[in-house]
Amino acid sequence: MSTLQIRDERARALAQQLATRRKITMTEAVIQALEGELKRDKDKEPLADRLKRIATALAAEGKPRRQTMTKDEVDTMWGR
């Protein structure tokens, strides 16, 4: 099994912060973080699919129906 060495100070600090918060080893913190990111990527719906779903939902709602007003109603509304 190969060894993963974290040389980047920011990456090391983040791994240490997660390990401390969860009271786990840095190795386990890295594993959990990577597994979480892989799951999040897998569960992410592609933008094209999201837009298609939204467009379909909007189309299903249809256009709002407007009530037509008579000329007298319009005149009354405008104070004529």
Protein backbone atom coordinates (compact mmCIF):
# COMPACT_ATOMS: atom_id res chain seq x y z
CA MET A 1 0.00 0.00 0.00
CA SER A 2 1.37 3.40 -0.94
CA THR A 3 1.77 6.29 1.45
CA LEU A 4 0.03 9.62 1.05
CA GLN A 5 2.15 12.50 2.22
CA ILE A 6 0.52 15.88 2.65
CA ARG A 7 3.16 18.54 2.10
CA ASP A 8 0.85 21.48 1.51
CA GLU A 9 0.53 23.44 4.77
CA ARG A 10 -3.07 24.51 4.10
CA ALA A 11 -4.15 20.94 3.32
CA ARG A 12 -2.39 19.69 6.44
CA ALA A 13 -4.02 22.39 8.59
CA LEU A 14 -7.48 21.59 7.22
CA ALA A 15 -6.99 17.87 7.81
CA GLN A 16 -5.78 18.57 11.34
CA GLN A 17 -8.75 20.88 12.01
CA LEU A 18 -11.24 18.22 10.86
CA ALA A 19 -9.42 15.51 12.81
CA THR A 20 -9.49 17.61 15.98
CA ARG A 21 -13.18 18.50 15.64
CA ARG A 22 -14.20 14.89 15.05
CA LYS A 23 -11.64 13.40 17.44
CA ILE A 24 -10.21 11.13 14.74
CA THR A 25 -6.81 10.63 13.15
CA MET A 26 -5.66 12.85 10.31
CA THR A 27 -5.75 9.82 8.03
CA GLU A 28 -9.39 9.18 8.89
CA ALA A 29 -10.15 12.89 8.43
CA VAL A 30 -8.69 12.81 4.92
CA ILE A 31 -10.62 9.61 4.09
CA GLN A 32 -13.91 11.05 5.35
CA ALA A 33 -13.39 14.31 3.50
CA LEU A 34 -12.58 12.56 0.23
CA GLU A 35 -15.49 10.13 0.58
CA GLY A 36 -17.82 13.04 1.28
CA GLU A 37 -16.67 14.93 -1.80
CA LEU A 38 -16.97 11.85 -4.03
CA LYS A 39 -20.52 11.24 -2.78
CA ARG A 40 -21.44 14.89 -3.31
CA ASP A 41 -20.14 14.76 -6.89
CA LYS A 42 -22.04 11.54 -7.58
CA ASP A 43 -25.29 12.94 -6.17
CA LYS A 44 -24.99 16.24 -8.03
CA GLU A 45 -27.62 16.64 -10.74
CA PRO A 46 -26.13 17.98 -14.00
CA LEU A 47 -27.15 21.56 -14.83
CA ALA A 48 -28.84 20.54 -18.09
CA ASP A 49 -30.99 18.01 -16.23
CA ARG A 50 -31.92 20.56 -13.54
CA LEU A 51 -32.92 23.13 -16.16
CA LYS A 52 -34.98 20.55 -18.05
CA ARG A 53 -36.78 19.56 -14.84
CA ILE A 54 -37.53 23.21 -14.01
CA ALA A 55 -38.74 23.95 -17.56
CA THR A 56 -41.01 20.90 -17.48
CA ALA A 57 -42.50 21.96 -14.14
CA LEU A 58 -43.14 25.49 -15.39
CA ALA A 59 -44.71 24.21 -18.61
CA ALA A 60 -47.01 21.95 -16.58
CA GLU A 61 -48.29 24.96 -14.65
CA GLY A 62 -49.45 26.60 -17.85
CA LYS A 63 -49.91 30.28 -18.47
CA PRO A 64 -51.84 32.26 -15.88
CA ARG A 65 -55.38 32.98 -16.98
CA ARG A 66 -56.24 36.62 -17.15
CA GLN A 67 -59.72 37.80 -16.63
CA THR A 68 -60.80 40.11 -19.41
CA MET A 69 -62.15 43.45 -18.39
CA THR A 70 -64.84 45.39 -20.13
CA LYS A 71 -64.17 48.93 -21.33
CA ASP A 72 -66.42 50.23 -18.55
CA GLU A 73 -64.37 48.37 -15.92
CA VAL A 74 -61.14 49.79 -17.33
CA ASP A 75 -62.61 53.28 -17.37
CA THR A 76 -63.77 52.87 -13.76
CA MET A 77 -60.36 51.61 -12.73
CA TRP A 78 -58.69 54.67 -14.27
CA GLY A 79 -61.28 57.05 -12.86
CA ARG A 80 -62.86 58.01 -16.16
